[in-house]
């Protein structure tokens, strides 16, 4: 079984781009985890935090200060690349942000709908 996540990174040409990655899910890895029938391999992380973006929030020229996985807990949002490509995210979607080039920030975010977007951000490094 697999799980697909969206990736967002610098393109090496001064812009940003979307990508997708497939994670393999395997049967529980130990007796303790046997109640979880399918899971990915464990990955290390530095820290995590929660954030809320209000309904109507819009930004441009954003970048990630660190590589991070973001899980959308509530609301809906759009992520826009420097090329104008747009992807829409709903509750439960996972986005890995690798766009750490602060000299050429190339991401815009827009909260769509009437509710705030609540996000769990897990910093990878």
Protein backbone atom coordinates (compact mmCIF):
# COMPACT_ATOMS: atom_id res chain seq x y z
CA UNK A 1 0.00 0.00 0.00
CA UNK A 2 1.22 3.53 -0.68
CA UNK A 3 0.45 7.10 0.32
CA UNK A 4 1.02 10.05 -2.00
CA UNK A 5 2.27 13.40 -0.69
CA UNK A 6 2.89 16.68 -2.48
CA UNK A 7 6.39 18.17 -2.44
CA UNK A 8 7.31 21.80 -3.08
CA UNK A 9 10.90 22.81 -3.78
CA UNK A 10 13.23 25.29 -5.41
CA UNK A 11 13.77 24.45 -9.08
CA UNK A 12 17.44 25.48 -9.30
CA UNK A 13 16.58 28.28 -11.73
CA UNK A 14 15.35 30.87 -9.23
CA UNK A 15 11.81 29.53 -9.04
CA UNK A 16 9.76 26.87 -7.32
CA UNK A 17 7.93 23.73 -8.42
CA UNK A 18 5.51 21.06 -7.26
CA UNK A 19 6.36 17.40 -7.18
CA UNK A 20 4.86 14.26 -5.73
CA UNK A 21 6.35 11.44 -3.73
CA UNK A 22 4.93 8.04 -2.90
CA UNK A 23 5.58 6.58 0.53
CA UNK A 24 5.41 2.84 1.04
CA UNK A 25 3.19 1.66 3.87
CA UNK A 26 3.96 -1.69 5.49
CA UNK A 27 2.38 -3.90 8.12
CA UNK A 28 3.00 -2.82 11.76
CA UNK A 29 6.70 -2.90 12.62
CA UNK A 30 6.48 -4.29 16.18
CA UNK A 31 4.02 -5.76 18.68
CA UNK A 32 3.52 -2.28 20.12
CA UNK A 33 2.50 -0.99 16.71
CA UNK A 34 0.42 -4.00 15.74
CA UNK A 35 -2.76 -1.97 16.23
CA UNK A 36 -1.65 0.19 13.32
CA UNK A 37 -2.06 -2.15 10.36
CA UNK A 38 -0.12 0.02 7.88
CA UNK A 39 2.64 2.55 8.47
CA UNK A 40 5.67 4.07 6.79
CA UNK A 41 9.22 3.77 8.04
CA UNK A 42 10.09 6.16 10.87
CA UNK A 43 11.84 9.44 10.01
CA UNK A 44 13.68 11.77 12.36
CA UNK A 45 12.52 15.32 13.00
CA UNK A 46 13.72 18.35 14.96
CA UNK A 47 10.49 19.82 16.35
CA UNK A 48 6.86 20.47 15.53
CA UNK A 49 4.37 23.28 15.97
CA UNK A 50 0.79 24.21 15.10
CA UNK A 51 -0.26 27.31 13.22
CA UNK A 52 -3.53 28.87 12.15
CA UNK A 53 -3.98 31.01 9.05
CA UNK A 54 -7.24 33.01 9.16
CA UNK A 55 -9.94 32.77 6.50
CA UNK A 56 -9.02 35.07 3.63
CA UNK A 57 -5.29 34.97 4.45
CA UNK A 58 -3.05 35.53 1.45
CA UNK A 59 0.70 35.90 1.18
CA UNK A 60 3.39 36.01 -1.46
CA UNK A 61 7.16 35.72 -1.54
CA UNK A 62 7.18 32.97 1.10
CA UNK A 63 9.78 30.27 1.64
CA UNK A 64 10.52 27.66 4.30
CA UNK A 65 13.21 28.43 6.84
CA UNK A 66 13.69 24.66 7.24
CA UNK A 67 12.54 21.55 5.42
CA UNK A 68 9.20 20.55 6.89
CA UNK A 69 6.17 18.35 6.51
CA UNK A 70 2.84 20.11 6.88
CA UNK A 71 -0.44 18.35 7.59
CA UNK A 72 -3.60 20.33 6.95
CA UNK A 73 -5.81 19.71 9.99
CA UNK A 74 -8.73 21.96 9.03
CA UNK A 75 -9.73 24.40 6.32
CA UNK A 76 -8.59 24.58 2.71
CA UNK A 77 -5.67 26.34 1.09
CA UNK A 78 -3.93 26.88 -2.20
CA UNK A 79 -0.19 26.84 -2.76
CA UNK A 80 1.07 28.72 -5.82
CA UNK A 81 4.52 28.22 -7.38
CA UNK A 82 6.63 30.94 -8.98
CA UNK A 83 5.50 29.62 -12.39
CA UNK A 84 1.85 30.18 -11.41
CA UNK A 85 1.04 26.49 -10.91
CA UNK A 86 -1.65 26.05 -8.26
CA UNK A 87 -2.49 23.05 -6.11
CA UNK A 88 -5.41 22.97 -3.69
CA UNK A 89 -5.19 21.17 -0.36
CA UNK A 90 -7.95 19.87 1.90
CA UNK A 91 -8.10 18.37 5.38
CA UNK A 92 -5.64 15.49 5.78
CA UNK A 93 -3.37 16.45 2.88
CA UNK A 94 0.39 16.34 3.50
CA UNK A 95 2.84 18.78 1.91
CA UNK A 96 6.63 18.56 2.20
CA UNK A 97 8.16 22.02 1.90
CA UNK A 98 11.74 21.96 0.63
CA UNK A 99 11.79 25.54 -0.73
CA UNK A 100 14.46 26.83 1.65
CA UNK A 101 16.12 29.33 -0.72
CA UNK A 102 15.43 32.61 1.08
CA UNK A 103 17.21 34.66 -1.59
CA UNK A 104 14.55 33.84 -4.18
CA UNK A 105 11.31 33.17 -2.30
CA UNK A 106 8.77 31.81 -4.72
CA UNK A 107 5.68 30.57 -2.94
CA UNK A 108 2.30 32.15 -2.37
CA UNK A 109 -0.34 30.80 0.00
CA UNK A 110 -4.04 31.54 0.01
CA UNK A 111 -6.63 30.26 2.47
CA UNK A 112 -9.78 29.43 0.53
CA UNK A 113 -13.24 28.97 2.02
CA UNK A 114 -14.74 30.54 5.11
CA UNK A 115 -12.73 28.71 7.79
CA UNK A 116 -9.16 29.19 9.01
CA UNK A 117 -6.50 26.70 7.93
CA UNK A 118 -4.95 24.89 10.89
CA UNK A 119 -1.64 23.23 10.13
CA UNK A 120 0.69 20.87 11.96
CA UNK A 121 4.26 21.65 10.82
CA UNK A 122 6.98 19.07 11.53
CA UNK A 123 10.47 20.43 10.91
CA UNK A 124 12.69 17.79 9.35
CA UNK A 125 16.03 19.59 9.76
